[in-house]
Amino acid sequence: VSQAERRSAAFRRENEGLRNELSLKEVKLEEAEVLIRRLSSKLIGAEDQLLEKDEIIIELRDENAELQSDLSEKRLALQRMQLERDSNCVNTEQKSGRKSRGLQG
């Protein structure tokens, strides 16, 4: 076997080894691409869920603001009613005091 034939055989073995290595790397690359597509899909799904939750949060905040406003209005109305009641009680007491003084006099 000549030196050229030995070299040629060595190159063929090396070439075959490199082809096998390349094939393995191509398989790993395809697996990585599949994984990336799956993760991208999951990420898009997660982003959609976050957007939905953000929308719900915004709606809840708006509803909370409306409820706070309603509560403030009702508190003011209650305070007015209490002031009226207190004022009526004072007026009633003053009138009854005058009448009792008038009866005594």
PDB file of N, CA and C in Angstrom:
ATOM      1  N   VAL A   1       0.852  -1.172   0.000  1.00  0.00           N
ATOM      2  CA  VAL A   1       0.000   0.000   0.000  1.00  0.00           C
ATOM      3  C   VAL A   1       0.897   1.234   0.000  1.00  0.00           C
ATOM      4  N   SER A   2       0.641   2.079  -0.931  1.00  0.00           N
ATOM      5  CA  SER A   2       1.492   3.252  -1.065  1.00  0.00           C
ATOM      6  C   SER A   2       1.109   4.307  -0.031  1.00  0.00           C
ATOM      7  N   GLN A   3       2.049   5.231   0.103  1.00  0.00           N
ATOM      8  CA  GLN A   3       1.832   6.314   1.061  1.00  0.00           C
ATOM      9  C   GLN A   3       0.614   7.154   0.648  1.00  0.00           C
ATOM     10  N   ALA A   4       0.417   7.365  -0.615  1.00  0.00           N
ATOM     11  CA  ALA A   4      -0.719   8.137  -1.121  1.00  0.00           C
ATOM     12  C   ALA A   4      -2.027   7.435  -0.774  1.00  0.00           C
ATOM     13  N   GLU A   5      -2.036   6.113  -0.871  1.00  0.00           N
ATOM     14  CA  GLU A   5      -3.246   5.356  -0.542  1.00  0.00           C
ATOM     15  C   GLU A   5      -3.542   5.431   0.961  1.00  0.00           C
ATOM     16  N   ARG A   6      -2.465   5.363   1.768  1.00  0.00           N
ATOM     17  CA  ARG A   6      -2.655   5.465   3.226  1.00  0.00           C
ATOM     18  C   ARG A   6      -3.227   6.856   3.581  1.00  0.00           C
ATOM     19  N   ARG A   7      -2.648   7.870   2.941  1.00  0.00           N
ATOM     20  CA  ARG A   7      -3.150   9.225   3.201  1.00  0.00           C
ATOM     21  C   ARG A   7      -4.615   9.345   2.773  1.00  0.00           C
ATOM     22  N   SER A   8      -4.922   8.819   1.630  1.00  0.00           N
ATOM     23  CA  SER A   8      -6.272   8.867   1.106  1.00  0.00           C
ATOM     24  C   SER A   8      -7.225   8.150   2.061  1.00  0.00           C
ATOM     25  N   ALA A   9      -6.827   7.007   2.587  1.00  0.00           N
ATOM     26  CA  ALA A   9      -7.666   6.260   3.539  1.00  0.00           C
ATOM     27  C   ALA A   9      -7.829   7.057   4.832  1.00  0.00           C
ATOM     28  N   ALA A  10      -6.764   7.685   5.288  1.00  0.00           N
ATOM     29  CA  ALA A  10      -6.826   8.494   6.506  1.00  0.00           C
ATOM     30  C   ALA A  10      -7.766   9.680   6.300  1.00  0.00           C
ATOM     31  N   PHE A  11      -7.667  10.329   5.146  1.00  0.00           N
ATOM     32  CA  PHE A  11      -8.554  11.454   4.846  1.00  0.00           C
ATOM     33  C   PHE A  11     -10.017  10.994   4.785  1.00  0.00           C
ATOM     34  N   ARG A  12     -10.241   9.817   4.181  1.00  0.00           N
ATOM     35  CA  ARG A  12     -11.610   9.284   4.097  1.00  0.00           C
ATOM     36  C   ARG A  12     -12.179   9.031   5.493  1.00  0.00           C
ATOM     37  N   ARG A  13     -11.362   8.441   6.387  1.00  0.00           N
ATOM     38  CA  ARG A  13     -11.812   8.176   7.774  1.00  0.00           C
ATOM     39  C   ARG A  13     -12.104   9.493   8.488  1.00  0.00           C
ATOM     40  N   GLU A  14     -11.179  10.433   8.318  1.00  0.00           N
ATOM     41  CA  GLU A  14     -11.371  11.732   8.960  1.00  0.00           C
ATOM     42  C   GLU A  14     -12.623  12.412   8.409  1.00  0.00           C
ATOM     43  N   ASN A  15     -12.787  12.329   7.078  1.00  0.00           N
ATOM     44  CA  ASN A  15     -13.949  12.923   6.427  1.00  0.00           C
ATOM     45  C   ASN A  15     -15.232  12.264   6.932  1.00  0.00           C
ATOM     46  N   GLU A  16     -15.216  10.952   7.059  1.00  0.00           N
ATOM     47  CA  GLU A  16     -16.385  10.212   7.558  1.00  0.00           C
ATOM     48  C   GLU A  16     -16.690  10.635   9.003  1.00  0.00           C
ATOM     49  N   GLY A  17     -15.665  10.767   9.813  1.00  0.00           N
ATOM     50  CA  GLY A  17     -15.843  11.211  11.198  1.00  0.00           C
ATOM     51  C   GLY A  17     -16.446  12.613  11.265  1.00  0.00           C
ATOM     52  N   LEU A  18     -15.945  13.490  10.405  1.00  0.00           N
ATOM     53  CA  LEU A  18     -16.474  14.858  10.360  1.00  0.00           C
ATOM     54  C   LEU A  18     -17.930  14.872   9.882  1.00  0.00           C
ATOM     55  N   ARG A  19     -18.249  14.002   8.917  1.00  0.00           N
ATOM     56  CA  ARG A  19     -19.634  13.911   8.443  1.00  0.00           C
ATOM     57  C   ARG A  19     -20.553  13.430   9.568  1.00  0.00           C
ATOM     58  N   ASN A  20     -20.095  12.423  10.316  1.00  0.00           N
ATOM     59  CA  ASN A  20     -20.898  11.928  11.446  1.00  0.00           C
ATOM     60  C   ASN A  20     -21.090  13.024  12.495  1.00  0.00           C
ATOM     61  N   GLU A  21     -20.013  13.739  12.790  1.00  0.00           N
ATOM     62  CA  GLU A  21     -20.087  14.842  13.755  1.00  0.00           C
ATOM     63  C   GLU A  21     -21.053  15.914  13.271  1.00  0.00           C
ATOM     64  N   LEU A  22     -20.973  16.238  11.971  1.00  0.00           N
ATOM     65  CA  LEU A  22     -21.872  17.224  11.376  1.00  0.00           C
ATOM     66  C   LEU A  22     -23.324  16.754  11.468  1.00  0.00           C
ATOM     67  N   SER A  23     -23.556  15.480  11.191  1.00  0.00           N
ATOM     68  CA  SER A  23     -24.914  14.934  11.271  1.00  0.00           C
ATOM     69  C   SER A  23     -25.458  15.052  12.693  1.00  0.00           C
ATOM     70  N   LEU A  24     -24.626  14.734  13.682  1.00  0.00           N
ATOM     71  CA  LEU A  24     -25.049  14.844  15.078  1.00  0.00           C
ATOM     72  C   LEU A  24     -25.375  16.303  15.426  1.00  0.00           C
ATOM     73  N   LYS A  25     -24.541  17.200  14.953  1.00  0.00           N
ATOM     74  CA  LYS A  25     -24.779  18.616  15.235  1.00  0.00           C
ATOM     75  C   LYS A  25     -26.043  19.112  14.541  1.00  0.00           C
ATOM     76  N   GLU A  26     -26.316  18.607  13.338  1.00  0.00           N
ATOM     77  CA  GLU A  26     -27.542  18.988  12.636  1.00  0.00           C
ATOM     78  C   GLU A  26     -28.771  18.489  13.391  1.00  0.00           C
ATOM     79  N   VAL A  27     -28.680  17.270  13.926  1.00  0.00           N
ATOM     80  CA  VAL A  27     -29.789  16.731  14.723  1.00  0.00           C
ATOM     81  C   VAL A  27     -29.993  17.589  15.970  1.00  0.00           C
ATOM     82  N   LYS A  28     -28.899  17.935  16.649  1.00  0.00           N
ATOM     83  CA  LYS A  28     -29.001  18.781  17.845  1.00  0.00           C
ATOM     84  C   LYS A  28     -29.581  20.146  17.489  1.00  0.00           C
ATOM     85  N   LEU A  29     -29.186  20.681  16.355  1.00  0.00           N
ATOM     86  CA  LEU A  29     -29.702  21.963  15.906  1.00  0.00           C
ATOM     87  C   LEU A  29     -31.205  21.877  15.655  1.00  0.00           C
ATOM     88  N   GLU A  30     -31.648  20.808  14.997  1.00  0.00           N
ATOM     89  CA  GLU A  30     -33.081  20.628  14.756  1.00  0.00           C
ATOM     90  C   GLU A  30     -33.838  20.511  16.074  1.00  0.00           C
ATOM     91  N   GLU A  31     -33.269  19.773  17.033  1.00  0.00           N
ATOM     92  CA  GLU A  31     -33.901  19.642  18.349  1.00  0.00           C
ATOM     93  C   GLU A  31     -33.987  21.010  19.033  1.00  0.00           C
ATOM     94  N   ALA A  32     -32.924  21.786  18.911  1.00  0.00           N
ATOM     95  CA  ALA A  32     -32.911  23.119  19.512  1.00  0.00           C
ATOM     96  C   ALA A  32     -33.962  24.014  18.853  1.00  0.00           C
ATOM     97  N   GLU A  33     -34.105  23.918  17.532  1.00  0.00           N
ATOM     98  CA  GLU A  33     -35.095  24.717  16.819  1.00  0.00           C
ATOM     99  C   GLU A  33     -36.512  24.348  17.258  1.00  0.00           C
ATOM    100  N   VAL A  34     -36.754  23.035  17.436  1.00  0.00           N
ATOM    101  CA  VAL A  34     -38.068  22.585  17.908  1.00  0.00           C
ATOM    102  C   VAL A  34     -38.319  23.136  19.315  1.00  0.00           C
ATOM    103  N   LEU A  35     -37.313  23.054  20.157  1.00  0.00           N
ATOM    104  CA  LEU A  35     -37.441  23.560  21.522  1.00  0.00           C
ATOM    105  C   LEU A  35     -37.700  25.066  21.516  1.00  0.00           C
ATOM    106  N   ILE A  36     -36.991  25.780  20.672  1.00  0.00           N
ATOM    107  CA  ILE A  36     -37.185  27.234  20.563  1.00  0.00           C
ATOM    108  C   ILE A  36     -38.613  27.543  20.113  1.00  0.00           C
ATOM    109  N   ARG A  37     -39.147  26.786  19.147  1.00  0.00           N
ATOM    110  CA  ARG A  37     -40.518  27.016  18.688  1.00  0.00           C
ATOM    111  C   ARG A  37     -41.511  26.753  19.821  1.00  0.00           C
ATOM    112  N   ARG A  38     -41.286  25.673  20.576  1.00  0.00           N
ATOM    113  CA  ARG A  38     -42.175  25.364  21.712  1.00  0.00           C
ATOM    114  C   ARG A  38     -42.124  26.474  22.755  1.00  0.00           C
ATOM    115  N   LEU A  39     -40.908  26.905  23.076  1.00  0.00           N
ATOM    116  CA  LEU A  39     -40.755  27.964  24.078  1.00  0.00           C
ATOM    117  C   LEU A  39     -41.357  29.276  23.590  1.00  0.00           C
ATOM    118  N   SER A  40     -41.183  29.566  22.313  1.00  0.00           N
ATOM    119  CA  SER A  40     -41.767  30.784  21.739  1.00  0.00           C
ATOM    120  C   SER A  40     -43.285  30.736  21.844  1.00  0.00           C
ATOM    121  N   SER A  41     -43.846  29.570  21.559  1.00  0.00           N
ATOM    122  CA  SER A  41     -45.295  29.401  21.653  1.00  0.00           C
ATOM    123  C   SER A  41     -45.760  29.586  23.096  1.00  0.00           C
ATOM    124  N   LYS A  42     -45.024  28.998  24.037  1.00  0.00           N
ATOM    125  CA  LYS A  42     -45.373  29.152  25.454  1.00  0.00           C
ATOM    126  C   LYS A  42     -45.235  30.611  25.886  1.00  0.00           C
ATOM    127  N   LEU A  43     -44.205  31.270  25.402  1.00  0.00           N
ATOM    128  CA  LEU A  43     -43.988  32.682  25.737  1.00  0.00           C
ATOM    129  C   LEU A  43     -45.132  33.539  25.213  1.00  0.00           C
ATOM    130  N   ILE A  44     -45.550  33.269  23.996  1.00  0.00           N
ATOM    131  CA  ILE A  44     -46.676  34.025  23.425  1.00  0.00           C
ATOM    132  C   ILE A  44     -47.927  33.784  24.253  1.00  0.00           C
ATOM    133  N   GLY A  45     -48.149  32.538  24.654  1.00  0.00           N
ATOM    134  CA  GLY A  45     -49.301  32.223  25.500  1.00  0.00           C
ATOM    135  C   GLY A  45     -49.220  32.946  26.834  1.00  0.00           C
ATOM    136  N   ALA A  46     -48.038  32.977  27.420  1.00  0.00           N
ATOM    137  CA  ALA A  46     -47.853  33.663  28.705  1.00  0.00           C
ATOM    138  C   ALA A  46     -48.069  35.165  28.545  1.00  0.00           C
ATOM    139  N   GLU A  47     -47.583  35.725  27.450  1.00  0.00           N
ATOM    140  CA  GLU A  47     -47.785  37.151  27.196  1.00  0.00           C
ATOM    141  C   GLU A  47     -49.267  37.469  27.041  1.00  0.00           C
ATOM    142  N   ASP A  48     -49.997  36.580  26.343  1.00  0.00           N
ATOM    143  CA  ASP A  48     -51.441  36.780  26.184  1.00  0.00           C
ATOM    144  C   ASP A  48     -52.137  36.754  27.540  1.00  0.00           C
ATOM    145  N   GLN A  49     -51.729  35.815  28.389  1.00  0.00           N
ATOM    146  CA  GLN A  49     -52.323  35.735  29.727  1.00  0.00           C
ATOM    147  C   GLN A  49     -52.020  37.002  30.525  1.00  0.00           C
ATOM    148  N   LEU A  50     -50.791  37.507  30.423  1.00  0.00           N
ATOM    149  CA  LEU A  50     -50.441  38.737  31.129  1.00  0.00           C
ATOM    150  C   LEU A  50     -51.275  39.915  30.642  1.00  0.00           C
ATOM    151  N   LEU A  51     -51.471  39.992  29.335  1.00  0.00           N
ATOM    152  CA  LEU A  51     -52.293  41.072  28.787  1.00  0.00           C
ATOM    153  C   LEU A  51     -53.725  40.977  29.306  1.00  0.00           C
ATOM    154  N   GLU A  52     -54.266  39.754  29.340  1.00  0.00           N
ATOM    155  CA  GLU A  52     -55.618  39.566  29.857  1.00  0.00           C
ATOM    156  C   GLU A  52     -55.690  39.984  31.325  1.00  0.00           C
ATOM    157  N   LYS A  53     -54.679  39.593  32.101  1.00  0.00           N
ATOM    158  CA  LYS A  53     -54.665  39.951  33.517  1.00  0.00           C
ATOM    159  C   LYS A  53     -54.510  41.453  33.695  1.00  0.00           C
ATOM    160  N   ASP A  54     -53.700  42.079  32.842  1.00  0.00           N
ATOM    161  CA  ASP A  54     -53.559  43.543  32.899  1.00  0.00           C
ATOM    162  C   ASP A  54     -54.900  44.221  32.630  1.00  0.00           C
ATOM    163  N   GLU A  55     -55.639  43.689  31.643  1.00  0.00           N
ATOM    164  CA  GLU A  55     -56.948  44.249  31.328  1.00  0.00           C
ATOM    165  C   GLU A  55     -57.892  44.092  32.511  1.00  0.00           C
ATOM    166  N   ILE A  56     -57.853  42.935  33.146  1.00  0.00           N
ATOM    167  CA  ILE A  56     -58.705  42.693  34.316  1.00  0.00           C
ATOM    168  C   ILE A  56     -58.325  43.653  35.439  1.00  0.00           C
ATOM    169  N   ILE A  57     -57.024  43.844  35.650  1.00  0.00           N
ATOM    170  CA  ILE A  57     -56.565  44.764  36.696  1.00  0.00           C
ATOM    171  C   ILE A  57     -57.061  46.179  36.419  1.00  0.00           C
ATOM    172  N   ILE A  58     -56.969  46.607  35.172  1.00  0.00           N
ATOM    173  CA  ILE A  58     -57.438  47.946  34.803  1.00  0.00           C
ATOM    174  C   ILE A  58     -58.940  48.070  35.066  1.00  0.00           C
ATOM    175  N   GLU A  59     -59.702  47.029  34.677  1.00  0.00           N
ATOM    176  CA  GLU A  59     -61.145  47.053  34.916  1.00  0.00           C
ATOM    177  C   GLU A  59     -61.436  47.115  36.413  1.00  0.00           C
ATOM    178  N   LEU A  60     -60.707  46.320  37.189  1.00  0.00           N
ATOM    179  CA  LEU A  60     -60.927  46.319  38.637  1.00  0.00           C
ATOM    180  C   LEU A  60     -60.561  47.658  39.259  1.00  0.00           C
ATOM    181  N   ARG A  61     -59.507  48.273  38.779  1.00  0.00           N
ATOM    182  CA  ARG A  61     -59.131  49.597  39.293  1.00  0.00           C
ATOM    183  C   ARG A  61     -60.201  50.633  38.976  1.00  0.00           C
ATOM    184  N   ASP A  62     -60.725  50.569  37.741  1.00  0.00           N
ATOM    185  CA  ASP A  62     -61.797  51.501  37.363  1.00  0.00           C
ATOM    186  C   ASP A  62     -63.022  51.287  38.247  1.00  0.00           C
ATOM    187  N   GLU A  63     -63.379  50.022  38.442  1.00  0.00           N
ATOM    188  CA  GLU A  63     -64.536  49.703  39.285  1.00  0.00           C
ATOM    189  C   GLU A  63     -64.300  50.167  40.720  1.00  0.00           C
ATOM    190  N   ASN A  64     -63.079  49.970  41.206  1.00  0.00           N
ATOM    191  CA  ASN A  64     -62.734  50.408  42.554  1.00  0.00           C
ATOM    192  C   ASN A  64     -62.858  51.924  42.676  1.00  0.00           C
ATOM    193  N   ALA A  65     -62.388  52.634  41.672  1.00  0.00           N
ATOM    194  CA  ALA A  65     -62.479  54.097  41.697  1.00  0.00           C
ATOM    195  C   ALA A  65     -63.946  54.534  41.737  1.00  0.00           C
ATOM    196  N   GLU A  66     -64.800  53.873  40.954  1.00  0.00           N
ATOM    197  CA  GLU A  66     -66.222  54.203  40.967  1.00  0.00           C
ATOM    198  C   GLU A  66     -66.825  53.921  42.346  1.00  0.00           C
ATOM    199  N   LEU A  67     -66.467  52.783  42.919  1.00  0.00           N
ATOM    200  CA  LEU A  67     -66.997  52.431  44.242  1.00  0.00           C
ATOM    201  C   LEU A  67     -66.513  53.414  45.306  1.00  0.00           C
ATOM    202  N   GLN A  68     -65.260  53.830  45.205  1.00  0.00           N
ATOM    203  CA  GLN A  68     -64.732  54.818  46.151  1.00  0.00           C
ATOM    204  C   GLN A  68     -65.493  56.131  46.030  1.00  0.00           C
ATOM    205  N   SER A  69     -65.774  56.518  44.794  1.00  0.00           N
ATOM    206  CA  SER A  69     -66.526  57.754  44.559  1.00  0.00           C
ATOM    207  C   SER A  69     -67.935  57.635  45.136  1.00  0.00           C
ATOM    208  N   ASP A  70     -68.592  56.505  44.871  1.00  0.00           N
ATOM    209  CA  ASP A  70     -69.930  56.278  45.428  1.00  0.00           C
ATOM    210  C   ASP A  70     -69.894  56.314  46.948  1.00  0.00           C
ATOM    211  N   LEU A  71     -68.887  55.683  47.519  1.00  0.00           N
ATOM    212  CA  LEU A  71     -68.754  55.656  48.970  1.00  0.00           C
ATOM    213  C   LEU A  71     -68.573  57.070  49.530  1.00  0.00           C
ATOM    214  N   SER A  72     -67.763  57.865  48.869  1.00  0.00           N
ATOM    215  CA  SER A  72     -67.553  59.248  49.318  1.00  0.00           C
ATOM    216  C   SER A  72     -68.865  60.031  49.262  1.00  0.00           C
ATOM    217  N   GLU A  73     -69.615  59.876  48.194  1.00  0.00           N
ATOM    218  CA  GLU A  73     -70.901  60.566  48.063  1.00  0.00           C
ATOM    219  C   GLU A  73     -71.850  60.134  49.172  1.00  0.00           C
ATOM    220  N   LYS A  74     -71.883  58.840  49.463  1.00  0.00           N
ATOM    221  CA  LYS A  74     -72.780  58.332  50.498  1.00  0.00           C
ATOM    222  C   LYS A  74     -72.345  58.808  51.884  1.00  0.00           C
ATOM    223  N   ARG A  75     -71.061  58.905  52.096  1.00  0.00           N
ATOM    224  CA  ARG A  75     -70.570  59.440  53.376  1.00  0.00           C
ATOM    225  C   ARG A  75     -70.994  60.892  53.548  1.00  0.00           C
ATOM    226  N   LEU A  76     -70.844  61.672  52.472  1.00  0.00           N
ATOM    227  CA  LEU A  76     -71.258  63.077  52.534  1.00  0.00           C
ATOM    228  C   LEU A  76     -72.755  63.192  52.794  1.00  0.00           C
ATOM    229  N   ALA A  77     -73.540  62.353  52.123  1.00  0.00           N
ATOM    230  CA  ALA A  77     -74.989  62.378  52.325  1.00  0.00           C
ATOM    231  C   ALA A  77     -75.321  61.993  53.763  1.00  0.00           C
ATOM    232  N   LEU A  78     -74.641  61.009  54.299  1.00  0.00           N
ATOM    233  CA  LEU A  78     -74.862  60.600  55.685  1.00  0.00           C
ATOM    234  C   LEU A  78     -74.499  61.719  56.652  1.00  0.00           C
ATOM    235  N   GLN A  79     -73.391  62.401  56.393  1.00  0.00           N
ATOM    236  CA  GLN A  79     -72.997  63.516  57.254  1.00  0.00           C
ATOM    237  C   GLN A  79     -74.050  64.628  57.216  1.00  0.00           C
ATOM    238  N   ARG A  80     -74.579  64.913  56.001  1.00  0.00           N
ATOM    239  CA  ARG A  80     -75.628  65.930  55.883  1.00  0.00           C
ATOM    240  C   ARG A  80     -76.861  65.525  56.679  1.00  0.00           C
ATOM    241  N   MET A  81     -77.234  64.251  56.566  1.00  0.00           N
ATOM    242  CA  MET A  81     -78.404  63.763  57.298  1.00  0.00           C
ATOM    243  C   MET A  81     -78.176  63.859  58.804  1.00  0.00           C
ATOM    244  N   GLN A  82     -76.969  63.520  59.243  1.00  0.00           N
ATOM    245  CA  GLN A  82     -76.663  63.606  60.671  1.00  0.00           C
ATOM    246  C   GLN A  82     -76.708  65.053  61.152  1.00  0.00           C
ATOM    247  N   LEU A  83     -76.170  65.967  60.323  1.00  0.00           N
ATOM    248  CA  LEU A  83     -76.220  67.388  60.686  1.00  0.00           C
ATOM    249  C   LEU A  83     -77.661  67.882  60.769  1.00  0.00           C
ATOM    250  N   GLU A  84     -78.491  67.461  59.808  1.00  0.00           N
ATOM    251  CA  GLU A  84     -79.900  67.853  59.835  1.00  0.00           C
ATOM    252  C   GLU A  84     -80.579  67.309  61.081  1.00  0.00           C
ATOM    253  N   ARG A  85     -80.302  66.041  61.386  1.00  0.00           N
ATOM    254  CA  ARG A  85     -80.901  65.425  62.564  1.00  0.00           C
ATOM    255  C   ARG A  85     -80.468  66.165  63.828  1.00  0.00           C
ATOM    256  N   ASP A  86     -79.153  66.415  63.915  1.00  0.00           N
ATOM    257  CA  ASP A  86     -78.640  67.133  65.082  1.00  0.00           C
ATOM    258  C   ASP A  86     -79.266  68.527  65.175  1.00  0.00           C
ATOM    259  N   SER A  87     -79.403  69.195  64.047  1.00  0.00           N
ATOM    260  CA  SER A  87     -79.999  70.526  64.010  1.00  0.00           C
ATOM    261  C   SER A  87     -81.459  70.456  64.436  1.00  0.00           C
ATOM    262  N   ASN A  88     -82.176  69.451  63.963  1.00  0.00           N
ATOM    263  CA  ASN A  88     -83.587  69.278  64.339  1.00  0.00           C
ATOM    264  C   ASN A  88     -83.715  68.986  65.825  1.00  0.00           C
ATOM    265  N   CYS A  89     -82.786  68.164  66.354  1.00  0.00           N
ATOM    266  CA  CYS A  89     -82.815  67.858  67.789  1.00  0.00           C
ATOM    267  C   CYS A  89     -82.598  69.124  68.598  1.00  0.00           C
ATOM    268  N   VAL A  90     -81.652  69.956  68.198  1.00  0.00           N
ATOM    269  CA  VAL A  90     -81.364  71.200  68.905  1.00  0.00           C
ATOM    270  C   VAL A  90     -82.584  72.109  68.840  1.00  0.00           C
ATOM    271  N   ASN A  91     -83.182  72.227  67.635  1.00  0.00           N
ATOM    272  CA  ASN A  91     -84.372  73.069  67.483  1.00  0.00           C
ATOM    273  C   ASN A  91     -85.516  72.559  68.353  1.00  0.00           C
ATOM    274  N   THR A  92     -85.690  71.275  68.379  1.00  0.00           N
ATOM    275  CA  THR A  92     -86.759  70.686  69.185  1.00  0.00           C
ATOM    276  C   THR A  92     -86.511  70.946  70.659  1.00  0.00           C
ATOM    277  N   GLU A  93     -85.268  70.791  71.092  1.00  0.00           N
ATOM    278  CA  GLU A  93     -84.924  71.041  72.491  1.00  0.00           C
ATOM    279  C   GLU A  93     -85.143  72.508  72.845  1.00  0.00           C
ATOM    280  N   GLN A  94     -84.788  73.398  71.925  1.00  0.00           N
ATOM    281  CA  GLN A  94     -84.977  74.823  72.190  1.00  0.00           C
ATOM    282  C   GLN A  94     -86.446  75.158  72.288  1.00  0.00           C
ATOM    283  N   LYS A  95     -87.262  74.595  71.404  1.00  0.00           N
ATOM    284  CA  LYS A  95     -88.701  74.859  71.425  1.00  0.00           C
ATOM    285  C   LYS A  95     -89.319  74.307  72.703  1.00  0.00           C
ATOM    286  N   SER A  96     -88.930  73.075  73.061  1.00  0.00           N
ATOM    287  CA  SER A  96     -89.507  72.486  74.274  1.00  0.00           C
ATOM    288  C   SER A  96     -89.031  73.253  75.500  1.00  0.00           C
ATOM    289  N   GLY A  97     -87.820  73.774  75.479  1.00  0.00           N
ATOM    290  CA  GLY A  97     -87.315  74.589  76.586  1.00  0.00           C
ATOM    291  C   GLY A  97     -88.082  75.865  76.735  1.00  0.00           C
ATOM    292  N   ARG A  98     -88.442  76.498  75.636  1.00  0.00           N
ATOM    293  CA  ARG A  98     -89.215  77.733  75.661  1.00  0.00           C
ATOM    294  C   ARG A  98     -90.611  77.478  76.220  1.00  0.00           C
ATOM    295  N   LYS A  99     -91.182  76.360  75.764  1.00  0.00           N
ATOM    296  CA  LYS A  99     -92.542  76.039  76.219  1.00  0.00           C
ATOM    297  C   LYS A  99     -92.544  75.779  77.711  1.00  0.00           C
ATOM    298  N   SER A 100     -91.524  75.056  78.186  1.00  0.00           N
ATOM    299  CA  SER A 100     -91.499  74.746  79.619  1.00  0.00           C
ATOM    300  C   SER A 100     -91.255  76.020  80.424  1.00  0.00           C
ATOM    301  N   ARG A 101     -90.442  76.901  79.918  1.00  0.00           N
ATOM    302  CA  ARG A 101     -90.207  78.184  80.603  1.00  0.00           C
ATOM    303  C   ARG A 101     -91.475  79.033  80.589  1.00  0.00           C
ATOM    304  N   GLY A 102     -92.177  78.947  79.459  1.00  0.00           N
ATOM    305  CA  GLY A 102     -93.419  79.713  79.346  1.00  0.00           C
ATOM    306  C   GLY A 102     -94.460  79.212  80.313  1.00  0.00           C
ATOM    307  N   LEU A 103     -94.516  77.934  80.549  1.00  0.00           N
ATOM    308  CA  LEU A 103     -95.501  77.363  81.469  1.00  0.00           C
ATOM    309  C   LEU A 103     -95.145  77.728  82.898  1.00  0.00           C
ATOM    310  N   GLN A 104     -93.852  77.794  83.165  1.00  0.00           N
ATOM    311  CA  GLN A 104     -93.405  78.104  84.523  1.00  0.00           C
ATOM    312  C   GLN A 104     -93.661  79.579  84.835  1.00  0.00           C
ATOM    313  N   GLY A 105     -93.519  80.434  83.812  1.00  0.00           N
ATOM    314  CA  GLY A 105     -93.616  81.868  84.044  1.00  0.00           C
ATOM    315  C   GLY A 105     -95.004  82.276  84.243  1.00  0.00           C
TER     316      GLY A 105
END
